[in-house]
Amino acid sequence: MHHAFTPLFDRALPLLKAGQRGLNALQAPAALAARLFVGAAFFRSGLTKIADWDTTLALFADEYHVPLLPTGVAAVAGTFGELFFPVLLVLGLFGRFSALSLSFVNIVAVLSLAEIAPAALQQHQFWGSLLLAVVLWGPGPWSLDGWWWPKAARRD
């Protein structure tokens, strides 16, 4: 039985396949762009903290109310997280772990502020969504993980 839509589908199928190939080709650069975007934001924040440590300590004492940690420990841990994990994220080295770690830093940052401007909250949510994508799908083929793990698997 020949359906009226069969010729339409026969013509559309190659276009759909070409579109899918094009979108698949964009996955690696999109994953890299997401890692660079989020990594740069957190790394800049960490650089700001170490540039003026006295102000950072004052902010952690007065503005940021990190639960369960003394002020100095919270300042060091937060600054370390903002400087170390973005480097791993950008390189795509232990990509899922670094994205999960930065997600934790991101959540603590939001929860530690008594008041957060809607635009700042939206930015943190956007970073969180990009980090979640890396946690769920990995850092992509343009990463050290994408280069290393397939080689390691072939050796086993």
C-alpha atoms as a PDB file:
ATOM      1  CA  MET A   1       0.000   0.000   0.000  1.00  0.00           C
ATOM      2  CA  HIS A   2       1.412   3.380  -1.031  1.00  0.00           C
ATOM      3  CA  HIS A   3       0.706   6.281   1.293  1.00  0.00           C
ATOM      4  CA  ALA A   4       0.357   9.836   0.051  1.00  0.00           C
ATOM      5  CA  PHE A   5       3.118  11.006   2.409  1.00  0.00           C
ATOM      6  CA  THR A   6       5.748   8.461   1.299  1.00  0.00           C
ATOM      7  CA  PRO A   7       7.257  10.659  -1.473  1.00  0.00           C
ATOM      8  CA  LEU A   8       7.444  13.579   0.946  1.00  0.00           C
ATOM      9  CA  PHE A   9       9.225  11.456   3.558  1.00  0.00           C
ATOM     10  CA  ASP A  10      11.551  10.001   0.920  1.00  0.00           C
ATOM     11  CA  ARG A  11      12.650  13.537  -0.036  1.00  0.00           C
ATOM     12  CA  ALA A  12      12.828  14.801   3.543  1.00  0.00           C
ATOM     13  CA  LEU A  13      14.841  11.897   4.957  1.00  0.00           C
ATOM     14  CA  PRO A  14      18.192  12.861   3.356  1.00  0.00           C
ATOM     15  CA  LEU A  15      17.725  16.442   4.569  1.00  0.00           C
ATOM     16  CA  LEU A  16      16.965  15.251   8.086  1.00  0.00           C
ATOM     17  CA  LYS A  17      20.011  12.976   8.069  1.00  0.00           C
ATOM     18  CA  ALA A  18      22.226  15.818   6.823  1.00  0.00           C
ATOM     19  CA  GLY A  19      20.855  18.092   9.530  1.00  0.00           C
ATOM     20  CA  GLN A  20      21.531  15.463  12.163  1.00  0.00           C
ATOM     21  CA  ARG A  21      25.119  15.001  10.926  1.00  0.00           C
ATOM     22  CA  GLY A  22      25.613  18.774  11.071  1.00  0.00           C
ATOM     23  CA  LEU A  23      24.287  19.014  14.611  1.00  0.00           C
ATOM     24  CA  ASN A  24      26.376  16.014  15.689  1.00  0.00           C
ATOM     25  CA  ALA A  25      29.462  17.755  14.299  1.00  0.00           C
ATOM     26  CA  LEU A  26      28.704  20.739  16.565  1.00  0.00           C
ATOM     27  CA  GLN A  27      28.652  18.674  19.771  1.00  0.00           C
ATOM     28  CA  ALA A  28      32.426  18.713  20.381  1.00  0.00           C
ATOM     29  CA  PRO A  29      32.900  22.462  19.883  1.00  0.00           C
ATOM     30  CA  ALA A  30      29.743  23.195  21.901  1.00  0.00           C
ATOM     31  CA  ALA A  31      31.000  21.087  24.829  1.00  0.00           C
ATOM     32  CA  LEU A  32      34.358  22.883  24.673  1.00  0.00           C
ATOM     33  CA  ALA A  33      32.643  26.291  24.526  1.00  0.00           C
ATOM     34  CA  ALA A  34      30.521  25.428  27.579  1.00  0.00           C
ATOM     35  CA  ARG A  35      33.595  24.282  29.512  1.00  0.00           C
ATOM     36  CA  LEU A  36      35.513  27.434  28.546  1.00  0.00           C
ATOM     37  CA  PHE A  37      32.612  29.740  29.424  1.00  0.00           C
ATOM     38  CA  VAL A  38      31.948  28.296  32.863  1.00  0.00           C
ATOM     39  CA  GLY A  39      35.609  27.676  33.641  1.00  0.00           C
ATOM     40  CA  ALA A  40      36.557  31.264  32.817  1.00  0.00           C
ATOM     41  CA  ALA A  41      33.789  32.682  35.012  1.00  0.00           C
ATOM     42  CA  PHE A  42      34.814  30.689  38.067  1.00  0.00           C
ATOM     43  CA  PHE A  43      38.553  31.149  37.489  1.00  0.00           C
ATOM     44  CA  ARG A  44      38.140  34.953  37.234  1.00  0.00           C
ATOM     45  CA  SER A  45      36.210  34.882  40.497  1.00  0.00           C
ATOM     46  CA  GLY A  46      39.031  32.955  42.160  1.00  0.00           C
ATOM     47  CA  LEU A  47      41.627  35.408  40.820  1.00  0.00           C
ATOM     48  CA  THR A  48      39.602  38.280  42.261  1.00  0.00           C
ATOM     49  CA  LYS A  49      39.607  36.587  45.649  1.00  0.00           C
ATOM     50  CA  ILE A  50      43.382  36.072  45.777  1.00  0.00           C
ATOM     51  CA  ALA A  51      44.050  39.591  44.465  1.00  0.00           C
ATOM     52  CA  ASP A  52      42.748  41.088  47.719  1.00  0.00           C
ATOM     53  CA  TRP A  53      42.691  38.434  50.416  1.00  0.00           C
ATOM     54  CA  ASP A  54      41.698  40.860  53.200  1.00  0.00           C
ATOM     55  CA  THR A  55      38.567  41.837  51.275  1.00  0.00           C
ATOM     56  CA  THR A  56      37.862  38.177  50.546  1.00  0.00           C
ATOM     57  CA  LEU A  57      38.036  37.321  54.246  1.00  0.00           C
ATOM     58  CA  ALA A  58      35.764  40.271  55.041  1.00  0.00           C
ATOM     59  CA  LEU A  59      33.258  39.133  52.417  1.00  0.00           C
ATOM     60  CA  PHE A  60      33.221  35.596  53.803  1.00  0.00           C
ATOM     61  CA  ALA A  61      32.778  36.998  57.320  1.00  0.00           C
ATOM     62  CA  ASP A  62      30.022  39.497  56.464  1.00  0.00           C
ATOM     63  CA  GLU A  63      28.373  38.617  53.123  1.00  0.00           C
ATOM     64  CA  TYR A  64      28.862  34.934  52.419  1.00  0.00           C
ATOM     65  CA  HIS A  65      27.447  32.740  55.133  1.00  0.00           C
ATOM     66  CA  VAL A  66      28.866  29.357  54.240  1.00  0.00           C
ATOM     67  CA  PRO A  67      27.188  26.769  56.448  1.00  0.00           C
ATOM     68  CA  LEU A  68      29.260  24.536  58.742  1.00  0.00           C
ATOM     69  CA  LEU A  69      32.650  26.112  57.933  1.00  0.00           C
ATOM     70  CA  PRO A  70      34.630  28.762  59.766  1.00  0.00           C
ATOM     71  CA  THR A  71      35.192  31.942  57.746  1.00  0.00           C
ATOM     72  CA  GLY A  72      38.868  31.317  56.932  1.00  0.00           C
ATOM     73  CA  VAL A  73      38.283  27.698  55.934  1.00  0.00           C
ATOM     74  CA  ALA A  74      35.332  28.679  53.738  1.00  0.00           C
ATOM     75  CA  ALA A  75      37.392  31.407  52.039  1.00  0.00           C
ATOM     76  CA  VAL A  76      40.292  29.049  51.311  1.00  0.00           C
ATOM     77  CA  ALA A  77      38.017  26.198  50.170  1.00  0.00           C
ATOM     78  CA  GLY A  78      35.923  28.469  47.943  1.00  0.00           C
ATOM     79  CA  THR A  79      38.950  30.137  46.405  1.00  0.00           C
ATOM     80  CA  PHE A  80      40.679  26.796  45.848  1.00  0.00           C
ATOM     81  CA  GLY A  81      37.547  25.418  44.176  1.00  0.00           C
ATOM     82  CA  GLU A  82      37.291  28.449  41.900  1.00  0.00           C
ATOM     83  CA  LEU A  83      40.935  28.188  40.828  1.00  0.00           C
ATOM     84  CA  PHE A  84      41.542  24.426  40.648  1.00  0.00           C
ATOM     85  CA  PHE A  85      38.378  22.868  39.221  1.00  0.00           C
ATOM     86  CA  PRO A  86      37.980  25.331  36.310  1.00  0.00           C
ATOM     87  CA  VAL A  87      41.424  24.330  35.048  1.00  0.00           C
ATOM     88  CA  LEU A  88      40.418  20.671  35.097  1.00  0.00           C
ATOM     89  CA  LEU A  89      37.087  21.544  33.486  1.00  0.00           C
ATOM     90  CA  VAL A  90      38.629  23.537  30.639  1.00  0.00           C
ATOM     91  CA  LEU A  91      41.175  20.809  29.957  1.00  0.00           C
ATOM     92  CA  GLY A  92      38.442  18.198  30.170  1.00  0.00           C
ATOM     93  CA  LEU A  93      40.567  16.260  32.635  1.00  0.00           C
ATOM     94  CA  PHE A  94      38.333  14.293  35.006  1.00  0.00           C
ATOM     95  CA  GLY A  95      35.646  16.386  33.332  1.00  0.00           C
ATOM     96  CA  ARG A  96      32.611  14.950  35.064  1.00  0.00           C
ATOM     97  CA  PHE A  97      34.284  15.161  38.476  1.00  0.00           C
ATOM     98  CA  SER A  98      35.408  18.759  37.898  1.00  0.00           C
ATOM     99  CA  ALA A  99      31.932  19.754  36.661  1.00  0.00           C
ATOM    100  CA  LEU A 100      30.339  18.107  39.706  1.00  0.00           C
ATOM    101  CA  SER A 101      32.818  19.864  42.001  1.00  0.00           C
ATOM    102  CA  LEU A 102      32.120  23.251  40.405  1.00  0.00           C
ATOM    103  CA  SER A 103      28.399  22.527  40.693  1.00  0.00           C
ATOM    104  CA  PHE A 104      28.914  22.156  44.427  1.00  0.00           C
ATOM    105  CA  VAL A 105      30.856  25.466  44.536  1.00  0.00           C
ATOM    106  CA  ASN A 106      28.064  27.090  42.515  1.00  0.00           C
ATOM    107  CA  ILE A 107      25.309  25.821  44.822  1.00  0.00           C
ATOM    108  CA  VAL A 108      27.198  26.836  47.974  1.00  0.00           C
ATOM    109  CA  ALA A 109      27.767  30.298  46.481  1.00  0.00           C
ATOM    110  CA  VAL A 110      24.039  30.776  45.885  1.00  0.00           C
ATOM    111  CA  LEU A 111      22.987  29.359  49.252  1.00  0.00           C
ATOM    112  CA  SER A 112      25.606  31.389  51.129  1.00  0.00           C
ATOM    113  CA  LEU A 113      24.235  34.745  50.068  1.00  0.00           C
ATOM    114  CA  ALA A 114      21.435  36.123  52.192  1.00  0.00           C
ATOM    115  CA  GLU A 115      20.181  38.067  49.178  1.00  0.00           C
ATOM    116  CA  ILE A 116      21.014  37.474  45.540  1.00  0.00           C
ATOM    117  CA  ALA A 117      19.947  39.671  42.656  1.00  0.00           C
ATOM    118  CA  PRO A 118      17.682  37.948  40.135  1.00  0.00           C
ATOM    119  CA  ALA A 119      20.213  38.468  37.326  1.00  0.00           C
ATOM    120  CA  ALA A 120      22.990  36.916  39.442  1.00  0.00           C
ATOM    121  CA  LEU A 121      20.762  33.972  40.328  1.00  0.00           C
ATOM    122  CA  GLN A 122      19.941  33.488  36.657  1.00  0.00           C
ATOM    123  CA  GLN A 123      23.668  33.481  35.824  1.00  0.00           C
ATOM    124  CA  HIS A 124      24.326  30.829  38.474  1.00  0.00           C
ATOM    125  CA  GLN A 125      21.439  28.757  37.100  1.00  0.00           C
ATOM    126  CA  PHE A 126      22.870  28.999  33.590  1.00  0.00           C
ATOM    127  CA  TRP A 127      26.310  27.914  34.803  1.00  0.00           C
ATOM    128  CA  GLY A 128      24.626  25.092  36.703  1.00  0.00           C
ATOM    129  CA  SER A 129      22.815  23.884  33.588  1.00  0.00           C
ATOM    130  CA  LEU A 130      26.050  23.845  31.571  1.00  0.00           C
ATOM    131  CA  LEU A 131      27.835  22.006  34.386  1.00  0.00           C
ATOM    132  CA  LEU A 132      24.983  19.500  34.601  1.00  0.00           C
ATOM    133  CA  ALA A 133      25.366  18.804  30.873  1.00  0.00           C
ATOM    134  CA  VAL A 134      29.064  18.009  31.409  1.00  0.00           C
ATOM    135  CA  VAL A 135      28.235  15.809  34.393  1.00  0.00           C
ATOM    136  CA  LEU A 136      25.628  13.870  32.396  1.00  0.00           C
ATOM    137  CA  TRP A 137      27.293  13.655  28.962  1.00  0.00           C
ATOM    138  CA  GLY A 138      30.958  14.154  29.789  1.00  0.00           C
ATOM    139  CA  PRO A 139      33.350  16.839  28.571  1.00  0.00           C
ATOM    140  CA  GLY A 140      33.165  15.737  24.938  1.00  0.00           C
ATOM    141  CA  PRO A 141      35.736  14.430  22.479  1.00  0.00           C
ATOM    142  CA  TRP A 142      37.723  17.693  22.475  1.00  0.00           C
ATOM    143  CA  SER A 143      39.004  17.057  25.993  1.00  0.00           C
ATOM    144  CA  LEU A 144      41.807  15.180  27.678  1.00  0.00           C
ATOM    145  CA  ASP A 145      39.224  12.659  28.878  1.00  0.00           C
ATOM    146  CA  GLY A 146      38.000  12.239  25.299  1.00  0.00           C
ATOM    147  CA  TRP A 147      41.542  11.665  24.130  1.00  0.00           C
ATOM    148  CA  TRP A 148      42.855   9.551  27.018  1.00  0.00           C
ATOM    149  CA  TRP A 149      40.039   7.170  27.987  1.00  0.00           C
ATOM    150  CA  PRO A 150      39.581   5.571  24.555  1.00  0.00           C
ATOM    151  CA  LYS A 151      43.338   4.853  24.470  1.00  0.00           C
ATOM    152  CA  ALA A 152      43.211   3.409  27.985  1.00  0.00           C
ATOM    153  CA  ALA A 153      40.208   1.222  27.081  1.00  0.00           C
ATOM    154  CA  ARG A 154      42.036  -0.203  24.044  1.00  0.00           C
ATOM    155  CA  ARG A 155      44.946  -1.259  26.261  1.00  0.00           C
ATOM    156  CA  ASP A 156      42.676  -3.310  28.517  1.00  0.00           C
END
